[in-house]
Each structure stands twice: as structure tokens, then as C-alpha cells.
ModelCIF file with pLDDT and N, C-alpha, C, O atoms, coordinates in Angstrom:
data_MODEL
#
_entry.id   MODEL 
#
_entity.id                         1 
_entity.type                       polymer 
_entity.pdbx_number_of_molecules   1 
#
_entity_poly.entity_id                      1 
_entity_poly.type                           'polypeptide(L)' 
_entity_poly.nstd_linkage                   no 
_entity_poly.nstd_monomer                   no 
_entity_poly.pdbx_seq_one_letter_code       
;(UNK)(UNK)(UNK)(UNK)(UNK)(UNK)(UNK)(UNK)(UNK)(UNK)(UNK)(UNK)(UNK)(UNK)(UNK)(UNK)
(UNK)(UNK)(UNK)(UNK)(UNK)(UNK)(UNK)(UNK)(UNK)(UNK)(UNK)(UNK)(UNK)(UNK)(UNK)(UNK)
(UNK)(UNK)(UNK)(UNK)(UNK)
;
_entity_poly.pdbx_seq_one_letter_code_can   XXXXXXXXXXXXXXXXXXXXXXXXXXXXXXXXXXXXX 
_entity_poly.pdbx_strand_id                 A 
#
loop_
_entity_poly_seq.entity_id 
_entity_poly_seq.num 
_entity_poly_seq.mon_id 
_entity_poly_seq.hetero 
1 1  UNK n 
1 2  UNK n 
1 3  UNK n 
1 4  UNK n 
1 5  UNK n 
1 6  UNK n 
1 7  UNK n 
1 8  UNK n 
1 9  UNK n 
1 10 UNK n 
1 11 UNK n 
1 12 UNK n 
1 13 UNK n 
1 14 UNK n 
1 15 UNK n 
1 16 UNK n 
1 17 UNK n 
1 18 UNK n 
1 19 UNK n 
1 20 UNK n 
1 21 UNK n 
1 22 UNK n 
1 23 UNK n 
1 24 UNK n 
1 25 UNK n 
1 26 UNK n 
1 27 UNK n 
1 28 UNK n 
1 29 UNK n 
1 30 UNK n 
1 31 UNK n 
1 32 UNK n 
1 33 UNK n 
1 34 UNK n 
1 35 UNK n 
1 36 UNK n 
1 37 UNK n 
#
_struct_asym.id          A 
_struct_asym.entity_id   1 
#
loop_
_ma_qa_metric.id 
_ma_qa_metric.mode 
_ma_qa_metric.name 
_ma_qa_metric.software_group_id 
_ma_qa_metric.type 
1 global pLDDT . pLDDT 
2 local  pLDDT . pLDDT 
#
_ma_qa_metric_global.metric_id      1 
_ma_qa_metric_global.metric_value   77.76 
_ma_qa_metric_global.model_id       1 
_ma_qa_metric_global.ordinal_id     1 
#
loop_
_ma_qa_metric_local.label_asym_id 
_ma_qa_metric_local.label_comp_id 
_ma_qa_metric_local.label_seq_id 
_ma_qa_metric_local.metric_id 
_ma_qa_metric_local.metric_value 
_ma_qa_metric_local.model_id 
_ma_qa_metric_local.ordinal_id 
A UNK 1  2 77.00 1 1  
A UNK 2  2 79.00 1 2  
A UNK 3  2 78.00 1 3  
A UNK 4  2 80.00 1 4  
A UNK 5  2 84.00 1 5  
A UNK 6  2 85.00 1 6  
A UNK 7  2 82.00 1 7  
A UNK 8  2 80.00 1 8  
A UNK 9  2 80.00 1 9  
A UNK 10 2 77.00 1 10 
A UNK 11 2 75.00 1 11 
A UNK 12 2 72.00 1 12 
A UNK 13 2 71.00 1 13 
A UNK 14 2 71.00 1 14 
A UNK 15 2 66.00 1 15 
A UNK 16 2 66.00 1 16 
A UNK 17 2 67.00 1 17 
A UNK 18 2 74.00 1 18 
A UNK 19 2 76.00 1 19 
A UNK 20 2 75.00 1 20 
A UNK 21 2 75.00 1 21 
A UNK 22 2 74.00 1 22 
A UNK 23 2 76.00 1 23 
A UNK 24 2 78.00 1 24 
A UNK 25 2 78.00 1 25 
A UNK 26 2 74.00 1 26 
A UNK 27 2 78.00 1 27 
A UNK 28 2 79.00 1 28 
A UNK 29 2 81.00 1 29 
A UNK 30 2 82.00 1 30 
A UNK 31 2 77.00 1 31 
A UNK 32 2 83.00 1 32 
A UNK 33 2 86.00 1 33 
A UNK 34 2 83.00 1 34 
A UNK 35 2 82.00 1 35 
A UNK 36 2 88.00 1 36 
A UNK 37 2 88.00 1 37 
#
loop_
_atom_site.group_PDB 
_atom_site.id 
_atom_site.type_symbol 
_atom_site.label_atom_id 
_atom_site.label_alt_id 
_atom_site.label_comp_id 
_atom_site.label_asym_id 
_atom_site.label_entity_id 
_atom_site.label_seq_id 
_atom_site.pdbx_PDB_ins_code 
_atom_site.Cartn_x 
_atom_site.Cartn_y 
_atom_site.Cartn_z 
_atom_site.occupancy 
_atom_site.B_iso_or_equiv 
_atom_site.pdbx_formal_charge 
_atom_site.auth_seq_id 
_atom_site.auth_comp_id 
_atom_site.auth_asym_id 
_atom_site.auth_atom_id 
_atom_site.pdbx_PDB_model_num 
ATOM 1   N N  . UNK A 1 1  ? 0.123   -44.026 -16.301 1.00 77.00 ? 1  UNK A N  1 
ATOM 2   C CA . UNK A 1 1  ? -1.080  -43.358 -15.411 1.00 77.00 ? 1  UNK A CA 1 
ATOM 3   C C  . UNK A 1 1  ? -1.476  -42.030 -16.123 1.00 77.00 ? 1  UNK A C  1 
ATOM 4   O O  . UNK A 1 1  ? -2.526  -41.532 -15.717 1.00 77.00 ? 1  UNK A O  1 
ATOM 5   N N  . UNK A 1 2  ? -0.856  -41.413 -17.055 1.00 79.00 ? 2  UNK A N  1 
ATOM 6   C CA . UNK A 1 2  ? -1.145  -40.126 -17.456 1.00 79.00 ? 2  UNK A CA 1 
ATOM 7   C C  . UNK A 1 2  ? -1.319  -40.319 -18.886 1.00 79.00 ? 2  UNK A C  1 
ATOM 8   O O  . UNK A 1 2  ? -1.271  -39.331 -19.619 1.00 79.00 ? 2  UNK A O  1 
ATOM 9   N N  . UNK A 1 3  ? -1.535  -41.599 -19.416 1.00 78.00 ? 3  UNK A N  1 
ATOM 10  C CA . UNK A 1 3  ? -1.705  -41.511 -20.830 1.00 78.00 ? 3  UNK A CA 1 
ATOM 11  C C  . UNK A 1 3  ? -3.071  -41.110 -21.439 1.00 78.00 ? 3  UNK A C  1 
ATOM 12  O O  . UNK A 1 3  ? -3.240  -41.067 -22.658 1.00 78.00 ? 3  UNK A O  1 
ATOM 13  N N  . UNK A 1 4  ? -4.106  -40.798 -20.473 1.00 80.00 ? 4  UNK A N  1 
ATOM 14  C CA . UNK A 1 4  ? -5.313  -40.167 -20.926 1.00 80.00 ? 4  UNK A CA 1 
ATOM 15  C C  . UNK A 1 4  ? -5.535  -38.735 -20.625 1.00 80.00 ? 4  UNK A C  1 
ATOM 16  O O  . UNK A 1 4  ? -6.631  -38.175 -20.608 1.00 80.00 ? 4  UNK A O  1 
ATOM 17  N N  . UNK A 1 5  ? -4.320  -38.172 -20.378 1.00 84.00 ? 5  UNK A N  1 
ATOM 18  C CA . UNK A 1 5  ? -4.468  -36.789 -19.958 1.00 84.00 ? 5  UNK A CA 1 
ATOM 19  C C  . UNK A 1 5  ? -4.742  -35.796 -20.919 1.00 84.00 ? 5  UNK A C  1 
ATOM 20  O O  . UNK A 1 5  ? -4.949  -34.619 -20.623 1.00 84.00 ? 5  UNK A O  1 
ATOM 21  N N  . UNK A 1 6  ? -4.747  -36.242 -22.055 1.00 85.00 ? 6  UNK A N  1 
ATOM 22  C CA . UNK A 1 6  ? -5.116  -35.397 -23.230 1.00 85.00 ? 6  UNK A CA 1 
ATOM 23  C C  . UNK A 1 6  ? -6.371  -35.909 -23.935 1.00 85.00 ? 6  UNK A C  1 
ATOM 24  O O  . UNK A 1 6  ? -6.593  -35.547 -25.091 1.00 85.00 ? 6  UNK A O  1 
ATOM 25  N N  . UNK A 1 7  ? -7.231  -36.762 -23.273 1.00 82.00 ? 7  UNK A N  1 
ATOM 26  C CA . UNK A 1 7  ? -8.194  -37.506 -23.793 1.00 82.00 ? 7  UNK A CA 1 
ATOM 27  C C  . UNK A 1 7  ? -9.623  -36.643 -23.301 1.00 82.00 ? 7  UNK A C  1 
ATOM 28  O O  . UNK A 1 7  ? -10.003 -36.622 -22.130 1.00 82.00 ? 7  UNK A O  1 
ATOM 29  N N  . UNK A 1 8  ? -10.247 -36.021 -24.307 1.00 80.00 ? 8  UNK A N  1 
ATOM 30  C CA . UNK A 1 8  ? -11.669 -35.409 -23.974 1.00 80.00 ? 8  UNK A CA 1 
ATOM 31  C C  . UNK A 1 8  ? -12.676 -36.329 -23.333 1.00 80.00 ? 8  UNK A C  1 
ATOM 32  O O  . UNK A 1 8  ? -13.453 -35.874 -22.495 1.00 80.00 ? 8  UNK A O  1 
ATOM 33  N N  . UNK A 1 9  ? -12.706 -37.609 -23.684 1.00 80.00 ? 9  UNK A N  1 
ATOM 34  C CA . UNK A 1 9  ? -13.720 -38.602 -23.522 1.00 80.00 ? 9  UNK A CA 1 
ATOM 35  C C  . UNK A 1 9  ? -12.962 -39.640 -22.787 1.00 80.00 ? 9  UNK A C  1 
ATOM 36  O O  . UNK A 1 9  ? -11.878 -40.022 -23.231 1.00 80.00 ? 9  UNK A O  1 
ATOM 37  N N  . UNK A 1 10 ? -13.482 -40.146 -21.641 1.00 77.00 ? 10 UNK A N  1 
ATOM 38  C CA . UNK A 1 10 ? -12.894 -41.189 -20.848 1.00 77.00 ? 10 UNK A CA 1 
ATOM 39  C C  . UNK A 1 10 ? -13.904 -42.265 -20.822 1.00 77.00 ? 10 UNK A C  1 
ATOM 40  O O  . UNK A 1 10 ? -15.097 -42.001 -20.667 1.00 77.00 ? 10 UNK A O  1 
ATOM 41  N N  . UNK A 1 11 ? -13.434 -43.561 -20.980 1.00 75.00 ? 11 UNK A N  1 
ATOM 42  C CA . UNK A 1 11 ? -14.312 -44.714 -20.946 1.00 75.00 ? 11 UNK A CA 1 
ATOM 43  C C  . UNK A 1 11 ? -15.327 -44.846 -19.691 1.00 75.00 ? 11 UNK A C  1 
ATOM 44  O O  . UNK A 1 11 ? -15.035 -44.252 -18.653 1.00 75.00 ? 11 UNK A O  1 
ATOM 45  N N  . UNK A 1 12 ? -16.385 -45.529 -19.757 1.00 72.00 ? 12 UNK A N  1 
ATOM 46  C CA . UNK A 1 12 ? -17.297 -45.455 -18.645 1.00 72.00 ? 12 UNK A CA 1 
ATOM 47  C C  . UNK A 1 12 ? -16.734 -46.304 -17.565 1.00 72.00 ? 12 UNK A C  1 
ATOM 48  O O  . UNK A 1 12 ? -17.397 -46.164 -16.538 1.00 72.00 ? 12 UNK A O  1 
ATOM 49  N N  . UNK A 1 13 ? -15.775 -47.110 -17.434 1.00 71.00 ? 13 UNK A N  1 
ATOM 50  C CA . UNK A 1 13 ? -15.212 -47.852 -16.461 1.00 71.00 ? 13 UNK A CA 1 
ATOM 51  C C  . UNK A 1 13 ? -13.887 -47.306 -15.830 1.00 71.00 ? 13 UNK A C  1 
ATOM 52  O O  . UNK A 1 13 ? -13.122 -47.981 -15.140 1.00 71.00 ? 13 UNK A O  1 
ATOM 53  N N  . UNK A 1 14 ? -13.736 -46.080 -16.139 1.00 71.00 ? 14 UNK A N  1 
ATOM 54  C CA . UNK A 1 14 ? -12.562 -45.329 -15.573 1.00 71.00 ? 14 UNK A CA 1 
ATOM 55  C C  . UNK A 1 14 ? -12.846 -44.989 -14.234 1.00 71.00 ? 14 UNK A C  1 
ATOM 56  O O  . UNK A 1 14 ? -13.953 -44.634 -13.829 1.00 71.00 ? 14 UNK A O  1 
ATOM 57  N N  . UNK A 1 15 ? -11.660 -45.122 -13.449 1.00 66.00 ? 15 UNK A N  1 
ATOM 58  C CA . UNK A 1 15 ? -11.729 -44.716 -11.959 1.00 66.00 ? 15 UNK A CA 1 
ATOM 59  C C  . UNK A 1 15 ? -11.727 -43.143 -11.731 1.00 66.00 ? 15 UNK A C  1 
ATOM 60  O O  . UNK A 1 15 ? -11.917 -42.669 -10.611 1.00 66.00 ? 15 UNK A O  1 
ATOM 61  N N  . UNK A 1 16 ? -11.500 -42.353 -12.868 1.00 66.00 ? 16 UNK A N  1 
ATOM 62  C CA . UNK A 1 16 ? -11.505 -40.922 -12.879 1.00 66.00 ? 16 UNK A CA 1 
ATOM 63  C C  . UNK A 1 16 ? -13.255 -40.373 -12.403 1.00 66.00 ? 16 UNK A C  1 
ATOM 64  O O  . UNK A 1 16 ? -14.224 -41.038 -12.769 1.00 66.00 ? 16 UNK A O  1 
ATOM 65  N N  . UNK A 1 17 ? -13.373 -39.403 -11.766 1.00 67.00 ? 17 UNK A N  1 
ATOM 66  C CA . UNK A 1 17 ? -14.612 -39.094 -11.696 1.00 67.00 ? 17 UNK A CA 1 
ATOM 67  C C  . UNK A 1 17 ? -15.482 -38.399 -12.809 1.00 67.00 ? 17 UNK A C  1 
ATOM 68  O O  . UNK A 1 17 ? -16.637 -38.000 -12.656 1.00 67.00 ? 17 UNK A O  1 
ATOM 69  N N  . UNK A 1 18 ? -14.709 -38.324 -13.979 1.00 74.00 ? 18 UNK A N  1 
ATOM 70  C CA . UNK A 1 18 ? -15.528 -38.091 -15.449 1.00 74.00 ? 18 UNK A CA 1 
ATOM 71  C C  . UNK A 1 18 ? -15.556 -38.946 -16.385 1.00 74.00 ? 18 UNK A C  1 
ATOM 72  O O  . UNK A 1 18 ? -15.020 -38.636 -17.449 1.00 74.00 ? 18 UNK A O  1 
ATOM 73  N N  . UNK A 1 19 ? -16.140 -40.152 -16.254 1.00 76.00 ? 19 UNK A N  1 
ATOM 74  C CA . UNK A 1 19 ? -16.358 -40.952 -17.383 1.00 76.00 ? 19 UNK A CA 1 
ATOM 75  C C  . UNK A 1 19 ? -17.418 -40.287 -18.329 1.00 76.00 ? 19 UNK A C  1 
ATOM 76  O O  . UNK A 1 19 ? -18.097 -39.371 -17.866 1.00 76.00 ? 19 UNK A O  1 
ATOM 77  N N  . UNK A 1 20 ? -17.614 -40.719 -19.710 1.00 75.00 ? 20 UNK A N  1 
ATOM 78  C CA . UNK A 1 20 ? -18.282 -40.312 -20.494 1.00 75.00 ? 20 UNK A CA 1 
ATOM 79  C C  . UNK A 1 20 ? -19.704 -40.307 -20.180 1.00 75.00 ? 20 UNK A C  1 
ATOM 80  O O  . UNK A 1 20 ? -20.409 -39.313 -20.351 1.00 75.00 ? 20 UNK A O  1 
ATOM 81  N N  . UNK A 1 21 ? -20.161 -41.508 -19.681 1.00 75.00 ? 21 UNK A N  1 
ATOM 82  C CA . UNK A 1 21 ? -21.658 -41.773 -19.201 1.00 75.00 ? 21 UNK A CA 1 
ATOM 83  C C  . UNK A 1 21 ? -21.800 -40.859 -18.039 1.00 75.00 ? 21 UNK A C  1 
ATOM 84  O O  . UNK A 1 21 ? -22.938 -40.392 -17.986 1.00 75.00 ? 21 UNK A O  1 
ATOM 85  N N  . UNK A 1 22 ? -21.041 -40.468 -17.126 1.00 74.00 ? 22 UNK A N  1 
ATOM 86  C CA . UNK A 1 22 ? -21.134 -39.404 -15.894 1.00 74.00 ? 22 UNK A CA 1 
ATOM 87  C C  . UNK A 1 22 ? -21.369 -38.005 -16.373 1.00 74.00 ? 22 UNK A C  1 
ATOM 88  O O  . UNK A 1 22 ? -22.145 -37.234 -15.808 1.00 74.00 ? 22 UNK A O  1 
ATOM 89  N N  . UNK A 1 23 ? -20.547 -37.659 -17.622 1.00 76.00 ? 23 UNK A N  1 
ATOM 90  C CA . UNK A 1 23 ? -20.415 -36.337 -18.158 1.00 76.00 ? 23 UNK A CA 1 
ATOM 91  C C  . UNK A 1 23 ? -21.871 -36.370 -18.959 1.00 76.00 ? 23 UNK A C  1 
ATOM 92  O O  . UNK A 1 23 ? -22.656 -35.460 -18.691 1.00 76.00 ? 23 UNK A O  1 
ATOM 93  N N  . UNK A 1 24 ? -22.224 -37.262 -19.820 1.00 78.00 ? 24 UNK A N  1 
ATOM 94  C CA . UNK A 1 24 ? -23.505 -37.047 -20.493 1.00 78.00 ? 24 UNK A CA 1 
ATOM 95  C C  . UNK A 1 24 ? -24.692 -37.026 -19.645 1.00 78.00 ? 24 UNK A C  1 
ATOM 96  O O  . UNK A 1 24 ? -25.531 -36.127 -19.710 1.00 78.00 ? 24 UNK A O  1 
ATOM 97  N N  . UNK A 1 25 ? -24.765 -38.142 -18.752 1.00 78.00 ? 25 UNK A N  1 
ATOM 98  C CA . UNK A 1 25 ? -26.182 -38.283 -17.842 1.00 78.00 ? 25 UNK A CA 1 
ATOM 99  C C  . UNK A 1 25 ? -26.165 -37.113 -16.614 1.00 78.00 ? 25 UNK A C  1 
ATOM 100 O O  . UNK A 1 25 ? -27.120 -36.355 -16.445 1.00 78.00 ? 25 UNK A O  1 
ATOM 101 N N  . UNK A 1 26 ? -25.065 -37.080 -15.867 1.00 74.00 ? 26 UNK A N  1 
ATOM 102 C CA . UNK A 1 26 ? -24.984 -36.318 -14.612 1.00 74.00 ? 26 UNK A CA 1 
ATOM 103 C C  . UNK A 1 26 ? -24.773 -34.946 -14.980 1.00 74.00 ? 26 UNK A C  1 
ATOM 104 O O  . UNK A 1 26 ? -25.524 -34.067 -14.558 1.00 74.00 ? 26 UNK A O  1 
ATOM 105 N N  . UNK A 1 27 ? -23.669 -34.669 -15.842 1.00 78.00 ? 27 UNK A N  1 
ATOM 106 C CA . UNK A 1 27 ? -23.325 -33.106 -16.089 1.00 78.00 ? 27 UNK A CA 1 
ATOM 107 C C  . UNK A 1 27 ? -24.266 -32.513 -17.185 1.00 78.00 ? 27 UNK A C  1 
ATOM 108 O O  . UNK A 1 27 ? -24.787 -31.416 -16.982 1.00 78.00 ? 27 UNK A O  1 
ATOM 109 N N  . UNK A 1 28 ? -24.514 -33.239 -18.402 1.00 79.00 ? 28 UNK A N  1 
ATOM 110 C CA . UNK A 1 28 ? -25.025 -32.588 -19.456 1.00 79.00 ? 28 UNK A CA 1 
ATOM 111 C C  . UNK A 1 28 ? -26.687 -32.594 -19.512 1.00 79.00 ? 28 UNK A C  1 
ATOM 112 O O  . UNK A 1 28 ? -27.395 -31.836 -20.175 1.00 79.00 ? 28 UNK A O  1 
ATOM 113 N N  . UNK A 1 29 ? -27.049 -33.523 -18.744 1.00 81.00 ? 29 UNK A N  1 
ATOM 114 C CA . UNK A 1 29 ? -28.632 -33.672 -18.340 1.00 81.00 ? 29 UNK A CA 1 
ATOM 115 C C  . UNK A 1 29 ? -29.213 -33.138 -17.224 1.00 81.00 ? 29 UNK A C  1 
ATOM 116 O O  . UNK A 1 29 ? -30.406 -32.837 -17.198 1.00 81.00 ? 29 UNK A O  1 
ATOM 117 N N  . UNK A 1 30 ? -28.324 -32.968 -16.119 1.00 82.00 ? 30 UNK A N  1 
ATOM 118 C CA . UNK A 1 30 ? -28.741 -32.729 -14.652 1.00 82.00 ? 30 UNK A CA 1 
ATOM 119 C C  . UNK A 1 30 ? -28.024 -31.434 -14.194 1.00 82.00 ? 30 UNK A C  1 
ATOM 120 O O  . UNK A 1 30 ? -28.613 -30.353 -14.173 1.00 82.00 ? 30 UNK A O  1 
ATOM 121 N N  . UNK A 1 31 ? -26.717 -31.587 -13.824 1.00 77.00 ? 31 UNK A N  1 
ATOM 122 C CA . UNK A 1 31 ? -25.993 -30.613 -13.131 1.00 77.00 ? 31 UNK A CA 1 
ATOM 123 C C  . UNK A 1 31 ? -25.961 -29.313 -13.819 1.00 77.00 ? 31 UNK A C  1 
ATOM 124 O O  . UNK A 1 31 ? -26.141 -28.232 -13.258 1.00 77.00 ? 31 UNK A O  1 
ATOM 125 N N  . UNK A 1 32 ? -25.690 -29.506 -15.214 1.00 83.00 ? 32 UNK A N  1 
ATOM 126 C CA . UNK A 1 32 ? -25.583 -28.260 -16.097 1.00 83.00 ? 32 UNK A CA 1 
ATOM 127 C C  . UNK A 1 32 ? -26.734 -27.388 -16.296 1.00 83.00 ? 32 UNK A C  1 
ATOM 128 O O  . UNK A 1 32 ? -26.675 -26.158 -16.322 1.00 83.00 ? 32 UNK A O  1 
ATOM 129 N N  . UNK A 1 33 ? -27.916 -28.184 -16.454 1.00 86.00 ? 33 UNK A N  1 
ATOM 130 C CA . UNK A 1 33 ? -29.174 -27.347 -16.653 1.00 86.00 ? 33 UNK A CA 1 
ATOM 131 C C  . UNK A 1 33 ? -29.607 -26.921 -15.299 1.00 86.00 ? 33 UNK A C  1 
ATOM 132 O O  . UNK A 1 33 ? -30.059 -25.787 -15.140 1.00 86.00 ? 33 UNK A O  1 
ATOM 133 N N  . UNK A 1 34 ? -29.488 -27.846 -14.210 1.00 83.00 ? 34 UNK A N  1 
ATOM 134 C CA . UNK A 1 34 ? -29.951 -27.233 -12.804 1.00 83.00 ? 34 UNK A CA 1 
ATOM 135 C C  . UNK A 1 34 ? -29.265 -25.980 -12.499 1.00 83.00 ? 34 UNK A C  1 
ATOM 136 O O  . UNK A 1 34 ? -29.935 -25.068 -12.015 1.00 83.00 ? 34 UNK A O  1 
ATOM 137 N N  . UNK A 1 35 ? -27.946 -25.804 -12.731 1.00 82.00 ? 35 UNK A N  1 
ATOM 138 C CA . UNK A 1 35 ? -26.992 -24.764 -12.474 1.00 82.00 ? 35 UNK A CA 1 
ATOM 139 C C  . UNK A 1 35 ? -27.407 -23.452 -13.238 1.00 82.00 ? 35 UNK A C  1 
ATOM 140 O O  . UNK A 1 35 ? -27.608 -22.392 -12.646 1.00 82.00 ? 35 UNK A O  1 
ATOM 141 N N  . UNK A 1 36 ? -27.511 -23.596 -14.478 1.00 88.00 ? 36 UNK A N  1 
ATOM 142 C CA . UNK A 1 36 ? -27.900 -22.379 -15.206 1.00 88.00 ? 36 UNK A CA 1 
ATOM 143 C C  . UNK A 1 36 ? -29.468 -22.017 -15.339 1.00 88.00 ? 36 UNK A C  1 
ATOM 144 O O  . UNK A 1 36 ? -29.828 -20.883 -15.654 1.00 88.00 ? 36 UNK A O  1 
ATOM 145 N N  . UNK A 1 37 ? -30.351 -23.042 -15.080 1.00 88.00 ? 37 UNK A N  1 
ATOM 146 C CA . UNK A 1 37 ? -31.738 -22.650 -15.045 1.00 88.00 ? 37 UNK A CA 1 
ATOM 147 C C  . UNK A 1 37 ? -32.087 -22.234 -13.643 1.00 88.00 ? 37 UNK A C  1 
ATOM 148 O O  . UNK A 1 37 ? -33.228 -21.857 -13.376 1.00 88.00 ? 37 UNK A O  1 
#
């Protein structure tokens, strides 16, 4: 259950709240720009 703890990129189907797709779309394209701008 901890095998991905040192993985910076998680697959899109992960149960964790930080899949690569969410990181790219939700964080990189929306939440981060909205926060800093």
C-alpha cells in the first residue's frame, strides 16, 4: 500500500487525490493560476 510513496507521478486511476491528470488539469491549469493570479 506504500509502494508509490516515492513516486512523483501517480496513474490516472489511482484512489489517491493526486493522479497525474488531476495534477495537470486541476492544479497546473486551474488552482495554481487562480491562487497566484
